[in-house]
Amino acid sequence: MMTATVLCSLDDIPDGGGKQVAGDGEAAVVVLRRGEQAWAYRNVCPHFSIPLNYEPDTFWTYEGEHLMCAHHSAMFRFEDGVCVDGPCLGAALTRVPVRVEDRQVIEGDTV
């Protein structure tokens, strides 16, 4: 049986925004939220392999649809992490599978 890892509460993430949580040793993880949905990605821009944010836990998001890299303005879709504008167009963030149960964001696809 696989042990579930709670990354954070859904309520800890601003609706339409993001929150940085501890990673598994590789890199920090950014969890994005829109309503009752959540997505998570390694906090590493594919352009230069640097964090997507300048300041801890501060992420630029637009209309609950896109996450912007604070360094070079690359824009990534919440749903799949694909860059839709900027210097790494077509590249994607590294997905961390998550699910929402009882308003908790849990790492992993299914129970």
Protein backbone atom coordinates (compact mmCIF):
# COMPACT_ATOMS: atom_id res chain seq x y z
CA MET A 1 0.00 0.00 0.00
CA MET A 2 1.34 3.41 -0.98
CA THR A 3 1.62 6.12 1.68
CA ALA A 4 -0.18 9.35 0.72
CA THR A 5 1.70 12.62 1.15
CA VAL A 6 -0.41 15.67 1.93
CA LEU A 7 1.25 18.66 0.24
CA CYS A 8 -1.06 21.34 1.65
CA SER A 9 -4.67 22.27 2.22
CA LEU A 10 -6.60 23.52 -0.81
CA ASP A 11 -7.56 26.50 1.37
CA ASP A 12 -3.87 27.44 1.77
CA ILE A 13 -3.69 28.26 -1.95
CA PRO A 14 -5.30 31.46 -3.23
CA ASP A 15 -8.06 30.65 -5.75
CA GLY A 16 -6.45 31.30 -9.14
CA GLY A 17 -2.98 31.34 -7.58
CA GLY A 18 -0.12 29.17 -6.46
CA LYS A 19 1.76 28.04 -3.37
CA GLN A 20 5.22 26.55 -2.98
CA VAL A 21 5.46 23.35 -0.95
CA ALA A 22 8.42 21.17 0.01
CA GLY A 23 9.58 18.80 -2.67
CA ASP A 24 10.93 15.28 -2.39
CA GLY A 25 14.57 16.38 -2.51
CA GLU A 26 14.71 17.21 -6.23
CA ALA A 27 13.08 20.64 -6.25
CA ALA A 28 10.31 22.55 -4.57
CA VAL A 29 6.82 22.05 -5.93
CA VAL A 30 4.32 24.75 -6.91
CA VAL A 31 0.66 23.82 -6.42
CA LEU A 32 -1.85 25.78 -8.52
CA ARG A 33 -5.53 26.12 -7.73
CA ARG A 34 -8.69 27.03 -9.61
CA GLY A 35 -11.81 26.52 -7.53
CA GLU A 36 -11.81 22.92 -6.31
CA GLN A 37 -9.11 21.79 -8.77
CA ALA A 38 -5.36 21.63 -8.15
CA TRP A 39 -2.30 20.93 -10.30
CA ALA A 40 1.32 20.62 -9.21
CA TYR A 41 4.65 21.04 -10.98
CA ARG A 42 8.31 21.14 -10.05
CA ASN A 43 9.19 24.78 -9.38
CA VAL A 44 11.70 24.82 -12.23
CA CYS A 45 11.31 26.79 -15.46
CA PRO A 46 12.31 24.70 -18.50
CA HIS A 47 13.96 27.79 -20.04
CA PHE A 48 16.96 28.07 -17.70
CA SER A 49 16.18 25.52 -14.96
CA ILE A 50 15.60 28.23 -12.36
CA PRO A 51 12.66 28.69 -9.94
CA LEU A 52 9.50 30.23 -11.38
CA ASN A 53 9.35 32.81 -8.58
CA TYR A 54 11.68 35.56 -7.28
CA GLU A 55 10.38 35.59 -3.72
CA PRO A 56 9.35 32.60 -1.62
CA ASP A 57 5.70 31.61 -2.09
CA THR A 58 5.03 34.48 -4.53
CA PHE A 59 3.78 33.36 -7.94
CA TRP A 60 2.39 35.48 -10.78
CA THR A 61 -0.80 34.02 -12.19
CA TYR A 62 -3.26 35.44 -14.69
CA GLU A 63 -7.03 34.93 -14.51
CA GLY A 64 -6.57 31.53 -12.86
CA GLU A 65 -5.38 30.20 -16.21
CA HIS A 66 -1.62 30.80 -16.53
CA LEU A 67 1.45 30.77 -14.32
CA MET A 68 4.20 33.19 -15.35
CA CYS A 69 7.92 32.68 -14.77
CA ALA A 70 9.09 35.77 -12.87
CA HIS A 71 12.46 35.73 -14.62
CA HIS A 72 11.65 35.68 -18.35
CA SER A 73 7.84 35.97 -18.49
CA ALA A 74 7.17 32.51 -19.93
CA MET A 75 3.47 31.66 -19.49
CA PHE A 76 2.36 28.12 -18.56
CA ARG A 77 -1.18 26.66 -18.57
CA PHE A 78 -2.46 25.44 -15.20
CA GLU A 79 -3.95 22.22 -16.69
CA ASP A 80 -0.87 20.75 -18.36
CA GLY A 81 2.09 23.04 -17.63
CA VAL A 82 2.72 23.72 -21.33
CA CYS A 83 4.39 27.03 -22.15
CA VAL A 84 2.02 29.01 -24.39
CA ASP A 85 4.06 32.23 -24.59
CA GLY A 86 7.67 33.20 -23.96
CA PRO A 87 11.20 31.94 -24.57
CA CYS A 88 10.42 28.23 -23.99
CA LEU A 89 7.25 28.08 -26.13
CA GLY A 90 6.04 24.49 -26.42
CA ALA A 91 8.14 23.18 -23.51
CA ALA A 92 6.38 22.05 -20.34
CA LEU A 93 6.82 22.12 -16.61
CA THR A 94 7.50 18.77 -14.90
CA ARG A 95 4.17 17.49 -13.59
CA VAL A 96 3.75 16.21 -10.04
CA PRO A 97 0.57 14.11 -9.91
CA VAL A 98 -1.88 15.30 -7.26
CA ARG A 99 -5.48 14.78 -6.25
CA VAL A 100 -7.82 16.66 -3.92
CA GLU A 101 -9.51 14.74 -1.10
CA ASP A 102 -11.38 16.41 1.76
CA ARG A 103 -9.86 19.76 0.69
CA GLN A 104 -6.33 18.36 1.03
CA VAL A 105 -3.91 18.32 -1.93
CA ILE A 106 -2.35 14.87 -1.91
CA GLU A 107 0.57 13.76 -4.03
CA GLY A 108 -0.37 10.87 -6.34
CA ASP A 109 -3.03 10.21 -8.98
CA THR A 110 -5.31 7.71 -7.26
CA VAL A 111 -5.83 5.92 -3.96
